[in-house]
Amino acid sequence: MNGVNDPPLFIKDIKPGLKNLNVVFIVLEIGRVTKTKDGHEVRSCKVADKTGSITISVWDEIGSLIQPGDIIRLTRGYASMWKGCLTLYTGRGGELQKIGEFCMVYSEVPNFSEPNPDYRGQQNKG
């Protein structure tokens, strides 16, 4: 079972170490390109859904195709901590698929990628 047909997870429910994530989000901003030692391009994009925002790290040519305002479905993504910040990644065999643009309700706060030393401190209020 690869979970492709599971309903998407809300950003607020993403925790470090989760795998096979399906998430639908709108792209808010694209960070500058950095190059890895072996020549890959990496972009950090700020994305959001109605529950908050998170940073996703996008590698290589797919990163150059993403535009702010795109609504994207991530399949088989995973989440981990990078420099103390929760970050979303496209897993092996995962993909980013543009499913629309501009018309999605989102909230930039809380930003779950802000440095958070006590990760367990983010209980769901409600």
PDB file of N, CA and C in Angstrom:
ATOM      1  N   MET A   1       0.853  -1.194   0.000  1.00  0.00           N
ATOM      2  CA  MET A   1       0.000   0.000   0.000  1.00  0.00           C
ATOM      3  C   MET A   1       0.882   1.235   0.000  1.00  0.00           C
ATOM      4  N   ASN A   2       0.786   2.050  -1.032  1.00  0.00           N
ATOM      5  CA  ASN A   2       1.673   3.208  -1.067  1.00  0.00           C
ATOM      6  C   ASN A   2       0.977   4.498  -0.652  1.00  0.00           C
ATOM      7  N   GLY A   3      -0.310   4.412  -0.335  1.00  0.00           N
ATOM      8  CA  GLY A   3      -0.964   5.583   0.228  1.00  0.00           C
ATOM      9  C   GLY A   3      -1.303   6.669  -0.766  1.00  0.00           C
ATOM     10  N   VAL A   4      -1.185   6.390  -2.065  1.00  0.00           N
ATOM     11  CA  VAL A   4      -1.431   7.449  -3.044  1.00  0.00           C
ATOM     12  C   VAL A   4      -2.881   7.918  -2.998  1.00  0.00           C
ATOM     13  N   ASN A   5      -3.788   7.027  -2.633  1.00  0.00           N
ATOM     14  CA  ASN A   5      -5.192   7.416  -2.611  1.00  0.00           C
ATOM     15  C   ASN A   5      -5.659   7.899  -1.239  1.00  0.00           C
ATOM     16  N   ASP A   6      -4.750   7.970  -0.287  1.00  0.00           N
ATOM     17  CA  ASP A   6      -5.127   8.503   1.015  1.00  0.00           C
ATOM     18  C   ASP A   6      -5.479   9.981   0.872  1.00  0.00           C
ATOM     19  N   PRO A   7      -6.404  10.468   1.717  1.00  0.00           N
ATOM     20  CA  PRO A   7      -6.652  11.912   1.674  1.00  0.00           C
ATOM     21  C   PRO A   7      -5.380  12.662   2.066  1.00  0.00           C
ATOM     22  N   PRO A   8      -5.180  13.856   1.510  1.00  0.00           N
ATOM     23  CA  PRO A   8      -3.939  14.570   1.831  1.00  0.00           C
ATOM     24  C   PRO A   8      -3.879  14.940   3.311  1.00  0.00           C
ATOM     25  N   LEU A   9      -2.671  14.982   3.805  1.00  0.00           N
ATOM     26  CA  LEU A   9      -2.410  15.359   5.191  1.00  0.00           C
ATOM     27  C   LEU A   9      -2.370  16.880   5.271  1.00  0.00           C
ATOM     28  N   PHE A  10      -2.876  17.422   6.355  1.00  0.00           N
ATOM     29  CA  PHE A  10      -2.727  18.863   6.565  1.00  0.00           C
ATOM     30  C   PHE A  10      -1.308  19.165   7.024  1.00  0.00           C
ATOM     31  N   ILE A  11      -0.838  20.342   6.659  1.00  0.00           N
ATOM     32  CA  ILE A  11       0.514  20.745   7.054  1.00  0.00           C
ATOM     33  C   ILE A  11       0.679  20.698   8.569  1.00  0.00           C
ATOM     34  N   LYS A  12      -0.352  21.055   9.314  1.00  0.00           N
ATOM     35  CA  LYS A  12      -0.214  21.055  10.775  1.00  0.00           C
ATOM     36  C   LYS A  12       0.025  19.654  11.336  1.00  0.00           C
ATOM     37  N   ASP A  13      -0.299  18.625  10.562  1.00  0.00           N
ATOM     38  CA  ASP A  13      -0.140  17.250  11.050  1.00  0.00           C
ATOM     39  C   ASP A  13       1.180  16.621  10.616  1.00  0.00           C
ATOM     40  N   ILE A  14       2.004  17.378   9.896  1.00  0.00           N
ATOM     41  CA  ILE A  14       3.287  16.845   9.447  1.00  0.00           C
ATOM     42  C   ILE A  14       4.267  16.856  10.615  1.00  0.00           C
ATOM     43  N   LYS A  15       4.912  15.716  10.830  1.00  0.00           N
ATOM     44  CA  LYS A  15       5.877  15.598  11.933  1.00  0.00           C
ATOM     45  C   LYS A  15       7.184  15.065  11.351  1.00  0.00           C
ATOM     46  N   PRO A  16       8.308  15.401  11.995  1.00  0.00           N
ATOM     47  CA  PRO A  16       9.583  14.865  11.499  1.00  0.00           C
ATOM     48  C   PRO A  16       9.548  13.343  11.496  1.00  0.00           C
ATOM     49  N   GLY A  17      10.086  12.750  10.437  1.00  0.00           N
ATOM     50  CA  GLY A  17      10.144  11.296  10.367  1.00  0.00           C
ATOM     51  C   GLY A  17       8.981  10.665   9.631  1.00  0.00           C
ATOM     52  N   LEU A  18       7.936  11.428   9.353  1.00  0.00           N
ATOM     53  CA  LEU A  18       6.829  10.848   8.591  1.00  0.00           C
ATOM     54  C   LEU A  18       7.251  10.626   7.145  1.00  0.00           C
ATOM     55  N   LYS A  19       6.775   9.520   6.576  1.00  0.00           N
ATOM     56  CA  LYS A  19       7.093   9.186   5.185  1.00  0.00           C
ATOM     57  C   LYS A  19       5.806   8.953   4.425  1.00  0.00           C
ATOM     58  N   ASN A  20       5.945   8.794   3.113  1.00  0.00           N
ATOM     59  CA  ASN A  20       4.778   8.542   2.255  1.00  0.00           C
ATOM     60  C   ASN A  20       3.696   9.591   2.447  1.00  0.00           C
ATOM     61  N   LEU A  21       4.112  10.847   2.530  1.00  0.00           N
ATOM     62  CA  LEU A  21       3.153  11.912   2.774  1.00  0.00           C
ATOM     63  C   LEU A  21       2.492  12.354   1.474  1.00  0.00           C
ATOM     64  N   ASN A  22       1.192  12.532   1.543  1.00  0.00           N
ATOM     65  CA  ASN A  22       0.451  13.195   0.470  1.00  0.00           C
ATOM     66  C   ASN A  22       0.003  14.531   1.027  1.00  0.00           C
ATOM     67  N   VAL A  23       0.395  15.605   0.391  1.00  0.00           N
ATOM     68  CA  VAL A  23       0.060  16.935   0.886  1.00  0.00           C
ATOM     69  C   VAL A  23      -0.336  17.787  -0.316  1.00  0.00           C
ATOM     70  N   VAL A  24      -1.386  18.575  -0.158  1.00  0.00           N
ATOM     71  CA  VAL A  24      -1.774  19.521  -1.200  1.00  0.00           C
ATOM     72  C   VAL A  24      -1.534  20.915  -0.641  1.00  0.00           C
ATOM     73  N   PHE A  25      -0.811  21.731  -1.395  1.00  0.00           N
ATOM     74  CA  PHE A  25      -0.475  23.060  -0.880  1.00  0.00           C
ATOM     75  C   PHE A  25      -0.394  24.063  -2.014  1.00  0.00           C
ATOM     76  N   ILE A  26      -0.396  25.334  -1.626  1.00  0.00           N
ATOM     77  CA  ILE A  26      -0.173  26.415  -2.579  1.00  0.00           C
ATOM     78  C   ILE A  26       1.228  26.965  -2.342  1.00  0.00           C
ATOM     79  N   VAL A  27       1.926  27.275  -3.429  1.00  0.00           N
ATOM     80  CA  VAL A  27       3.294  27.789  -3.328  1.00  0.00           C
ATOM     81  C   VAL A  27       3.222  29.295  -3.061  1.00  0.00           C
ATOM     82  N   LEU A  28       3.859  29.727  -1.968  1.00  0.00           N
ATOM     83  CA  LEU A  28       3.857  31.153  -1.633  1.00  0.00           C
ATOM     84  C   LEU A  28       5.077  31.854  -2.190  1.00  0.00           C
ATOM     85  N   GLU A  29       6.237  31.268  -1.969  1.00  0.00           N
ATOM     86  CA  GLU A  29       7.447  31.893  -2.502  1.00  0.00           C
ATOM     87  C   GLU A  29       8.499  30.839  -2.782  1.00  0.00           C
ATOM     88  N   ILE A  30       9.359  31.165  -3.729  1.00  0.00           N
ATOM     89  CA  ILE A  30      10.443  30.265  -4.129  1.00  0.00           C
ATOM     90  C   ILE A  30      11.737  30.889  -3.635  1.00  0.00           C
ATOM     91  N   GLY A  31      12.510  30.104  -2.902  1.00  0.00           N
ATOM     92  CA  GLY A  31      13.787  30.614  -2.415  1.00  0.00           C
ATOM     93  C   GLY A  31      14.838  30.603  -3.507  1.00  0.00           C
ATOM     94  N   ARG A  32      15.989  31.167  -3.182  1.00  0.00           N
ATOM     95  CA  ARG A  32      17.043  31.172  -4.198  1.00  0.00           C
ATOM     96  C   ARG A  32      17.625  29.772  -4.355  1.00  0.00           C
ATOM     97  N   VAL A  33      18.231  29.573  -5.489  1.00  0.00           N
ATOM     98  CA  VAL A  33      18.796  28.269  -5.817  1.00  0.00           C
ATOM     99  C   VAL A  33      20.140  28.115  -5.125  1.00  0.00           C
ATOM    100  N   THR A  34      20.351  26.969  -4.501  1.00  0.00           N
ATOM    101  CA  THR A  34      21.698  26.647  -4.025  1.00  0.00           C
ATOM    102  C   THR A  34      22.139  25.399  -4.772  1.00  0.00           C
ATOM    103  N   LYS A  35      23.431  25.219  -4.884  1.00  0.00           N
ATOM    104  CA  LYS A  35      23.965  24.046  -5.580  1.00  0.00           C
ATOM    105  C   LYS A  35      24.643  23.126  -4.564  1.00  0.00           C
ATOM    106  N   THR A  36      24.386  21.839  -4.691  1.00  0.00           N
ATOM    107  CA  THR A  36      25.074  20.884  -3.830  1.00  0.00           C
ATOM    108  C   THR A  36      26.456  20.611  -4.419  1.00  0.00           C
ATOM    109  N   LYS A  37      27.275  19.935  -3.630  1.00  0.00           N
ATOM    110  CA  LYS A  37      28.645  19.631  -4.075  1.00  0.00           C
ATOM    111  C   LYS A  37      28.652  18.835  -5.384  1.00  0.00           C
ATOM    112  N   ASP A  38      27.653  17.980  -5.544  1.00  0.00           N
ATOM    113  CA  ASP A  38      27.647  17.178  -6.774  1.00  0.00           C
ATOM    114  C   ASP A  38      26.782  17.794  -7.877  1.00  0.00           C
ATOM    115  N   GLY A  39      26.488  19.092  -7.748  1.00  0.00           N
ATOM    116  CA  GLY A  39      25.903  19.803  -8.873  1.00  0.00           C
ATOM    117  C   GLY A  39      24.385  19.844  -8.949  1.00  0.00           C
ATOM    118  N   HIS A  40      23.712  19.339  -7.933  1.00  0.00           N
ATOM    119  CA  HIS A  40      22.254  19.430  -7.948  1.00  0.00           C
ATOM    120  C   HIS A  40      21.814  20.834  -7.565  1.00  0.00           C
ATOM    121  N   GLU A  41      20.712  21.281  -8.170  1.00  0.00           N
ATOM    122  CA  GLU A  41      20.102  22.540  -7.752  1.00  0.00           C
ATOM    123  C   GLU A  41      19.052  22.240  -6.692  1.00  0.00           C
ATOM    124  N   VAL A  42      19.063  23.039  -5.638  1.00  0.00           N
ATOM    125  CA  VAL A  42      18.072  22.861  -4.581  1.00  0.00           C
ATOM    126  C   VAL A  42      17.401  24.210  -4.317  1.00  0.00           C
ATOM    127  N   ARG A  43      16.089  24.193  -4.274  1.00  0.00           N
ATOM    128  CA  ARG A  43      15.338  25.400  -3.928  1.00  0.00           C
ATOM    129  C   ARG A  43      14.501  25.107  -2.705  1.00  0.00           C
ATOM    130  N   SER A  44      14.439  26.061  -1.803  1.00  0.00           N
ATOM    131  CA  SER A  44      13.520  25.958  -0.667  1.00  0.00           C
ATOM    132  C   SER A  44      12.302  26.814  -0.969  1.00  0.00           C
ATOM    133  N   CYS A  45      11.155  26.190  -1.011  1.00  0.00           N
ATOM    134  CA  CYS A  45       9.924  26.908  -1.340  1.00  0.00           C
ATOM    135  C   CYS A  45       9.039  26.961  -0.104  1.00  0.00           C
ATOM    136  N   LYS A  46       8.448  28.122   0.136  1.00  0.00           N
ATOM    137  CA  LYS A  46       7.489  28.233   1.232  1.00  0.00           C
ATOM    138  C   LYS A  46       6.110  27.910   0.673  1.00  0.00           C
ATOM    139  N   VAL A  47       5.458  26.940   1.290  1.00  0.00           N
ATOM    140  CA  VAL A  47       4.150  26.492   0.819  1.00  0.00           C
ATOM    141  C   VAL A  47       3.176  26.484   1.996  1.00  0.00           C
ATOM    142  N   ALA A  48       1.879  26.509   1.685  1.00  0.00           N
ATOM    143  CA  ALA A  48       0.891  26.597   2.763  1.00  0.00           C
ATOM    144  C   ALA A  48      -0.397  25.893   2.370  1.00  0.00           C
ATOM    145  N   ASP A  49      -1.126  25.456   3.402  1.00  0.00           N
ATOM    146  CA  ASP A  49      -2.526  25.094   3.213  1.00  0.00           C
ATOM    147  C   ASP A  49      -3.312  25.865   4.265  1.00  0.00           C
ATOM    148  N   LYS A  50      -4.554  25.449   4.523  1.00  0.00           N
ATOM    149  CA  LYS A  50      -5.354  26.269   5.433  1.00  0.00           C
ATOM    150  C   LYS A  50      -4.894  26.146   6.885  1.00  0.00           C
ATOM    151  N   THR A  51      -4.017  25.175   7.175  1.00  0.00           N
ATOM    152  CA  THR A  51      -3.605  24.962   8.565  1.00  0.00           C
ATOM    153  C   THR A  51      -2.267  25.608   8.903  1.00  0.00           C
ATOM    154  N   GLY A  52      -1.549  26.136   7.914  1.00  0.00           N
ATOM    155  CA  GLY A  52      -0.254  26.755   8.197  1.00  0.00           C
ATOM    156  C   GLY A  52       0.691  26.582   7.030  1.00  0.00           C
ATOM    157  N   SER A  53       1.935  27.000   7.229  1.00  0.00           N
ATOM    158  CA  SER A  53       2.909  26.939   6.139  1.00  0.00           C
ATOM    159  C   SER A  53       4.117  26.104   6.547  1.00  0.00           C
ATOM    160  N   ILE A  54       4.884  25.692   5.550  1.00  0.00           N
ATOM    161  CA  ILE A  54       6.066  24.865   5.780  1.00  0.00           C
ATOM    162  C   ILE A  54       7.014  25.099   4.604  1.00  0.00           C
ATOM    163  N   THR A  55       8.270  24.782   4.802  1.00  0.00           N
ATOM    164  CA  THR A  55       9.240  24.867   3.722  1.00  0.00           C
ATOM    165  C   THR A  55       9.392  23.492   3.085  1.00  0.00           C
ATOM    166  N   ILE A  56       9.388  23.468   1.762  1.00  0.00           N
ATOM    167  CA  ILE A  56       9.670  22.221   1.049  1.00  0.00           C
ATOM    168  C   ILE A  56      10.957  22.426   0.257  1.00  0.00           C
ATOM    169  N   SER A  57      11.815  21.428   0.298  1.00  0.00           N
ATOM    170  CA  SER A  57      13.080  21.473  -0.432  1.00  0.00           C
ATOM    171  C   SER A  57      12.876  20.744  -1.749  1.00  0.00           C
ATOM    172  N   VAL A  58      13.066  21.457  -2.861  1.00  0.00           N
ATOM    173  CA  VAL A  58      12.792  20.890  -4.185  1.00  0.00           C
ATOM    174  C   VAL A  58      14.089  20.818  -4.976  1.00  0.00           C
ATOM    175  N   TRP A  59      14.356  19.643  -5.543  1.00  0.00           N
ATOM    176  CA  TRP A  59      15.629  19.400  -6.209  1.00  0.00           C
ATOM    177  C   TRP A  59      15.496  19.472  -7.719  1.00  0.00           C
ATOM    178  N   ASP A  60      16.539  20.013  -8.330  1.00  0.00           N
ATOM    179  CA  ASP A  60      16.758  19.928  -9.771  1.00  0.00           C
ATOM    180  C   ASP A  60      15.620  20.551 -10.587  1.00  0.00           C
ATOM    181  N   GLU A  61      15.351  19.967 -11.770  1.00  0.00           N
ATOM    182  CA  GLU A  61      14.554  20.723 -12.738  1.00  0.00           C
ATOM    183  C   GLU A  61      13.124  20.969 -12.273  1.00  0.00           C
ATOM    184  N   ILE A  62      12.603  20.081 -11.424  1.00  0.00           N
ATOM    185  CA  ILE A  62      11.229  20.311 -10.963  1.00  0.00           C
ATOM    186  C   ILE A  62      11.125  21.657 -10.252  1.00  0.00           C
ATOM    187  N   GLY A  63      12.210  22.057  -9.570  1.00  0.00           N
ATOM    188  CA  GLY A  63      12.183  23.333  -8.856  1.00  0.00           C
ATOM    189  C   GLY A  63      12.041  24.518  -9.779  1.00  0.00           C
ATOM    190  N   SER A  64      12.582  24.407 -10.983  1.00  0.00           N
ATOM    191  CA  SER A  64      12.501  25.535 -11.906  1.00  0.00           C
ATOM    192  C   SER A  64      11.125  25.644 -12.544  1.00  0.00           C
ATOM    193  N   LEU A  65      10.309  24.603 -12.402  1.00  0.00           N
ATOM    194  CA  LEU A  65       8.981  24.612 -13.008  1.00  0.00           C
ATOM    195  C   LEU A  65       7.921  25.182 -12.075  1.00  0.00           C
ATOM    196  N   ILE A  66       8.221  25.213 -10.784  1.00  0.00           N
ATOM    197  CA  ILE A  66       7.229  25.644  -9.805  1.00  0.00           C
ATOM    198  C   ILE A  66       7.162  27.172  -9.783  1.00  0.00           C
ATOM    199  N   GLN A  67       5.950  27.698  -9.772  1.00  0.00           N
ATOM    200  CA  GLN A  67       5.744  29.147  -9.701  1.00  0.00           C
ATOM    201  C   GLN A  67       4.930  29.483  -8.454  1.00  0.00           C
ATOM    202  N   PRO A  68       5.151  30.657  -7.880  1.00  0.00           N
ATOM    203  CA  PRO A  68       4.263  31.086  -6.786  1.00  0.00           C
ATOM    204  C   PRO A  68       2.814  31.107  -7.282  1.00  0.00           C
ATOM    205  N   GLY A  69       1.924  30.631  -6.441  1.00  0.00           N
ATOM    206  CA  GLY A  69       0.516  30.560  -6.827  1.00  0.00           C
ATOM    207  C   GLY A  69       0.097  29.199  -7.335  1.00  0.00           C
ATOM    208  N   ASP A  70       1.074  28.345  -7.665  1.00  0.00           N
ATOM    209  CA  ASP A  70       0.723  26.989  -8.096  1.00  0.00           C
ATOM    210  C   ASP A  70       0.145  26.201  -6.927  1.00  0.00           C
ATOM    211  N   ILE A  71      -0.863  25.422  -7.220  1.00  0.00           N
ATOM    212  CA  ILE A  71      -1.390  24.474  -6.238  1.00  0.00           C
ATOM    213  C   ILE A  71      -0.854  23.107  -6.630  1.00  0.00           C
ATOM    214  N   ILE A  72      -0.198  22.477  -5.682  1.00  0.00           N
ATOM    215  CA  ILE A  72       0.582  21.267  -5.985  1.00  0.00           C
ATOM    216  C   ILE A  72       0.181  20.142  -5.055  1.00  0.00           C
ATOM    217  N   ARG A  73       0.107  18.952  -5.634  1.00  0.00           N
ATOM    218  CA  ARG A  73      -0.059  17.756  -4.813  1.00  0.00           C
ATOM    219  C   ARG A  73       1.281  17.050  -4.748  1.00  0.00           C
ATOM    220  N   LEU A  74       1.777  16.886  -3.541  1.00  0.00           N
ATOM    221  CA  LEU A  74       2.999  16.118  -3.289  1.00  0.00           C
ATOM    222  C   LEU A  74       2.577  14.700  -2.938  1.00  0.00           C
ATOM    223  N   THR A  75       3.139  13.721  -3.639  1.00  0.00           N
ATOM    224  CA  THR A  75       2.899  12.326  -3.254  1.00  0.00           C
ATOM    225  C   THR A  75       4.221  11.711  -2.826  1.00  0.00           C
ATOM    226  N   ARG A  76       4.115  10.820  -1.843  1.00  0.00           N
ATOM    227  CA  ARG A  76       5.280  10.112  -1.309  1.00  0.00           C
ATOM    228  C   ARG A  76       6.384  11.076  -0.869  1.00  0.00           C
ATOM    229  N   GLY A  77       5.978  12.136  -0.216  1.00  0.00           N
ATOM    230  CA  GLY A  77       6.967  13.034   0.377  1.00  0.00           C
ATOM    231  C   GLY A  77       7.368  12.538   1.757  1.00  0.00           C
ATOM    232  N   TYR A  78       8.364  13.193   2.343  1.00  0.00           N
ATOM    233  CA  TYR A  78       8.714  12.872   3.723  1.00  0.00           C
ATOM    234  C   TYR A  78       9.149  14.158   4.421  1.00  0.00           C
ATOM    235  N   ALA A  79       9.139  14.094   5.740  1.00  0.00           N
ATOM    236  CA  ALA A  79       9.475  15.278   6.527  1.00  0.00           C
ATOM    237  C   ALA A  79      10.652  14.962   7.432  1.00  0.00           C
ATOM    238  N   SER A  80      11.578  15.900   7.530  1.00  0.00           N
ATOM    239  CA  SER A  80      12.646  15.729   8.510  1.00  0.00           C
ATOM    240  C   SER A  80      13.139  17.099   8.949  1.00  0.00           C
ATOM    241  N   MET A  81      14.006  17.096   9.958  1.00  0.00           N
ATOM    242  CA  MET A  81      14.536  18.337  10.489  1.00  0.00           C
ATOM    243  C   MET A  81      15.802  18.693   9.729  1.00  0.00           C
ATOM    244  N   TRP A  82      15.931  19.939   9.358  1.00  0.00           N
ATOM    245  CA  TRP A  82      17.148  20.429   8.714  1.00  0.00           C
ATOM    246  C   TRP A  82      17.520  21.738   9.376  1.00  0.00           C
ATOM    247  N   LYS A  83      18.700  21.764   9.983  1.00  0.00           N
ATOM    248  CA  LYS A  83      19.135  22.939  10.747  1.00  0.00           C
ATOM    249  C   LYS A  83      18.078  23.351  11.766  1.00  0.00           C
ATOM    250  N   GLY A  84      17.479  22.354  12.422  1.00  0.00           N
ATOM    251  CA  GLY A  84      16.505  22.635  13.468  1.00  0.00           C
ATOM    252  C   GLY A  84      15.127  23.031  12.967  1.00  0.00           C
ATOM    253  N   CYS A  85      14.910  22.980  11.665  1.00  0.00           N
ATOM    254  CA  CYS A  85      13.619  23.392  11.115  1.00  0.00           C
ATOM    255  C   CYS A  85      12.961  22.225  10.394  1.00  0.00           C
ATOM    256  N   LEU A  86      11.679  22.062  10.638  1.00  0.00           N
ATOM    257  CA  LEU A  86      10.913  21.015   9.959  1.00  0.00           C
ATOM    258  C   LEU A  86      10.839  21.332   8.468  1.00  0.00           C
ATOM    259  N   THR A  87      11.247  20.383   7.648  1.00  0.00           N
ATOM    260  CA  THR A  87      11.276  20.600   6.196  1.00  0.00           C
ATOM    261  C   THR A  87      10.642  19.409   5.496  1.00  0.00           C
ATOM    262  N   LEU A  88       9.936  19.712   4.422  1.00  0.00           N
ATOM    263  CA  LEU A  88       9.273  18.693   3.616  1.00  0.00           C
ATOM    264  C   LEU A  88      10.157  18.383   2.408  1.00  0.00           C
ATOM    265  N   TYR A  89      10.212  17.127   2.022  1.00  0.00           N
ATOM    266  CA  TYR A  89      11.016  16.713   0.866  1.00  0.00           C
ATOM    267  C   TYR A  89      10.187  15.815  -0.030  1.00  0.00           C
ATOM    268  N   THR A  90      10.541  15.771  -1.303  1.00  0.00           N
ATOM    269  CA  THR A  90       9.962  14.794  -2.208  1.00  0.00           C
ATOM    270  C   THR A  90      10.744  13.506  -2.024  1.00  0.00           C
ATOM    271  N   GLY A  91      10.083  12.440  -1.674  1.00  0.00           N
ATOM    272  CA  GLY A  91      10.793  11.183  -1.450  1.00  0.00           C
ATOM    273  C   GLY A  91      11.195  10.533  -2.758  1.00  0.00           C
ATOM    274  N   ARG A  92      11.937   9.450  -2.643  1.00  0.00           N
ATOM    275  CA  ARG A  92      12.299   8.662  -3.812  1.00  0.00           C
ATOM    276  C   ARG A  92      11.016   8.123  -4.438  1.00  0.00           C
ATOM    277  N   GLY A  93      10.838   8.368  -5.713  1.00  0.00           N
ATOM    278  CA  GLY A  93       9.592   7.922  -6.342  1.00  0.00           C
ATOM    279  C   GLY A  93       8.419   8.830  -6.045  1.00  0.00           C
ATOM    280  N   GLY A  94       8.650   9.879  -5.264  1.00  0.00           N
ATOM    281  CA  GLY A  94       7.566  10.814  -5.009  1.00  0.00           C
ATOM    282  C   GLY A  94       7.472  11.810  -6.143  1.00  0.00           C
ATOM    283  N   GLU A  95       6.399  12.572  -6.169  1.00  0.00           N
ATOM    284  CA  GLU A  95       6.302  13.567  -7.224  1.00  0.00           C
ATOM    285  C   GLU A  95       5.497  14.770  -6.787  1.00  0.00           C
ATOM    286  N   LEU A  96       5.759  15.855  -7.496  1.00  0.00           N
ATOM    287  CA  LEU A  96       5.006  17.085  -7.317  1.00  0.00           C
ATOM    288  C   LEU A  96       4.175  17.246  -8.576  1.00  0.00           C
ATOM    289  N   GLN A  97       2.880  17.419  -8.394  1.00  0.00           N
ATOM    290  CA  GLN A  97       1.998  17.518  -9.542  1.00  0.00           C
ATOM    291  C   GLN A  97       1.171  18.786  -9.397  1.00  0.00           C
ATOM    292  N   LYS A  98       1.246  19.649 -10.389  1.00  0.00           N
ATOM    293  CA  LYS A  98       0.443  20.868 -10.345  1.00  0.00           C
ATOM    294  C   LYS A  98      -1.005  20.512 -10.630  1.00  0.00           C
ATOM    295  N   ILE A  99      -1.904  20.918  -9.730  1.00  0.00           N
ATOM    296  CA  ILE A  99      -3.312  20.559  -9.908  1.00  0.00           C
ATOM    297  C   ILE A  99      -4.192  21.797 -10.067  1.00  0.00           C
ATOM    298  N   GLY A 100      -3.610  22.985  -9.993  1.00  0.00           N
ATOM    299  CA  GLY A 100      -4.417  24.188 -10.158  1.00  0.00           C
ATOM    300  C   GLY A 100      -3.562  25.394  -9.865  1.00  0.00           C
ATOM    301  N   GLU A 101      -4.205  26.558  -9.803  1.00  0.00           N
ATOM    302  CA  GLU A 101      -3.443  27.721  -9.368  1.00  0.00           C
ATOM    303  C   GLU A 101      -4.345  28.771  -8.737  1.00  0.00           C
ATOM    304  N   PHE A 102      -3.789  29.438  -7.771  1.00  0.00           N
ATOM    305  CA  PHE A 102      -4.344  30.636  -7.130  1.00  0.00           C
ATOM    306  C   PHE A 102      -5.566  30.442  -6.245  1.00  0.00           C
ATOM    307  N   CYS A 103      -6.479  29.529  -6.596  1.00  0.00           N
ATOM    308  CA  CYS A 103      -7.708  29.494  -5.795  1.00  0.00           C
ATOM    309  C   CYS A 103      -7.626  28.407  -4.735  1.00  0.00           C
ATOM    310  N   MET A 104      -6.993  28.755  -3.640  1.00  0.00           N
ATOM    311  CA  MET A 104      -6.925  27.826  -2.510  1.00  0.00           C
ATOM    312  C   MET A 104      -6.865  28.647  -1.241  1.00  0.00           C
ATOM    313  N   VAL A 105      -7.640  28.240  -0.255  1.00  0.00           N
ATOM    314  CA  VAL A 105      -7.599  28.917   1.039  1.00  0.00           C
ATOM    315  C   VAL A 105      -6.328  28.486   1.751  1.00  0.00           C
ATOM    316  N   TYR A 106      -5.556  29.446   2.236  1.00  0.00           N
ATOM    317  CA  TYR A 106      -4.346  29.070   2.961  1.00  0.00           C
ATOM    318  C   TYR A 106      -4.080  30.055   4.085  1.00  0.00           C
ATOM    319  N   SER A 107      -3.221  29.645   4.990  1.00  0.00           N
ATOM    320  CA  SER A 107      -2.803  30.493   6.096  1.00  0.00           C
ATOM    321  C   SER A 107      -1.296  30.370   6.233  1.00  0.00           C
ATOM    322  N   GLU A 108      -0.617  31.524   6.313  1.00  0.00           N
ATOM    323  CA  GLU A 108       0.839  31.466   6.476  1.00  0.00           C
ATOM    324  C   GLU A 108       1.232  31.136   7.903  1.00  0.00           C
ATOM    325  N   VAL A 109       0.310  31.297   8.839  1.00  0.00           N
ATOM    326  CA  VAL A 109       0.637  31.031  10.237  1.00  0.00           C
ATOM    327  C   VAL A 109      -0.244  29.908  10.757  1.00  0.00           C
ATOM    328  N   PRO A 110       0.282  29.078  11.633  1.00  0.00           N
ATOM    329  CA  PRO A 110       1.692  29.078  12.051  1.00  0.00           C
ATOM    330  C   PRO A 110       2.607  28.544  10.957  1.00  0.00           C
ATOM    331  N   ASN A 111       3.852  29.023  10.997  1.00  0.00           N
ATOM    332  CA  ASN A 111       4.865  28.503  10.082  1.00  0.00           C
ATOM    333  C   ASN A 111       5.575  27.360  10.797  1.00  0.00           C
ATOM    334  N   PHE A 112       5.297  26.136  10.359  1.00  0.00           N
ATOM    335  CA  PHE A 112       5.842  24.963  11.052  1.00  0.00           C
ATOM    336  C   PHE A 112       7.311  24.744  10.749  1.00  0.00           C
ATOM    337  N   SER A 113       7.874  25.532   9.831  1.00  0.00           N
ATOM    338  CA  SER A 113       9.297  25.409   9.556  1.00  0.00           C
ATOM    339  C   SER A 113      10.126  26.412  10.346  1.00  0.00           C
ATOM    340  N   GLU A 114       9.482  27.234  11.181  1.00  0.00           N
ATOM    341  CA  GLU A 114      10.294  28.104  12.014  1.00  0.00           C
ATOM    342  C   GLU A 114      11.032  27.248  13.026  1.00  0.00           C
ATOM    343  N   PRO A 115      12.253  27.679  13.402  1.00  0.00           N
ATOM    344  CA  PRO A 115      13.017  26.880  14.366  1.00  0.00           C
ATOM    345  C   PRO A 115      12.201  26.658  15.621  1.00  0.00           C
ATOM    346  N   ASN A 116      12.139  25.438  16.046  1.00  0.00           N
ATOM    347  CA  ASN A 116      11.312  25.101  17.195  1.00  0.00           C
ATOM    348  C   ASN A 116      12.027  24.045  18.023  1.00  0.00           C
ATOM    349  N   PRO A 117      12.760  24.501  19.042  1.00  0.00           N
ATOM    350  CA  PRO A 117      13.547  23.551  19.828  1.00  0.00           C
ATOM    351  C   PRO A 117      12.675  22.517  20.520  1.00  0.00           C
ATOM    352  N   ASP A 118      11.484  22.906  20.962  1.00  0.00           N
ATOM    353  CA  ASP A 118      10.613  21.937  21.605  1.00  0.00           C
ATOM    354  C   ASP A 118       9.520  21.548  20.629  1.00  0.00           C
ATOM    355  N   TYR A 119       9.841  20.622  19.770  1.00  0.00           N
ATOM    356  CA  TYR A 119       8.871  20.299  18.726  1.00  0.00           C
ATOM    357  C   TYR A 119       7.564  19.790  19.297  1.00  0.00           C
ATOM    358  N   ARG A 120       7.647  19.099  20.437  1.00  0.00           N
ATOM    359  CA  ARG A 120       6.428  18.542  21.012  1.00  0.00           C
ATOM    360  C   ARG A 120       5.523  19.622  21.573  1.00  0.00           C
ATOM    361  N   GLY A 121       6.007  20.847  21.619  1.00  0.00           N
ATOM    362  CA  GLY A 121       5.208  21.932  22.187  1.00  0.00           C
ATOM    363  C   GLY A 121       4.046  22.353  21.317  1.00  0.00           C
ATOM    364  N   GLN A 122       3.990  21.851  20.087  1.00  0.00           N
ATOM    365  CA  GLN A 122       2.908  22.281  19.193  1.00  0.00           C
ATOM    366  C   GLN A 122       1.744  21.306  19.284  1.00  0.00           C
ATOM    367  N   GLN A 123       0.975  21.417  20.351  1.00  0.00           N
ATOM    368  CA  GLN A 123      -0.219  20.562  20.425  1.00  0.00           C
ATOM    369  C   GLN A 123      -1.309  21.196  19.569  1.00  0.00           C
ATOM    370  N   ASN A 124      -2.171  20.347  19.062  1.00  0.00           N
ATOM    371  CA  ASN A 124      -3.299  20.892  18.325  1.00  0.00           C
ATOM    372  C   ASN A 124      -4.242  21.555  19.323  1.00  0.00           C
ATOM    373  N   LYS A 125      -4.602  22.792  19.041  1.00  0.00           N
ATOM    374  CA  LYS A 125      -5.561  23.474  19.923  1.00  0.00           C
ATOM    375  C   LYS A 125      -6.934  23.161  19.381  1.00  0.00           C
ATOM    376  N   GLY A 126      -7.629  22.279  20.066  1.00  0.00           N
ATOM    377  CA  GLY A 126      -8.975  22.009  19.561  1.00  0.00           C
ATOM    378  C   GLY A 126      -9.265  20.619  19.649  1.00  0.00           C
TER     379      GLY A 126
END
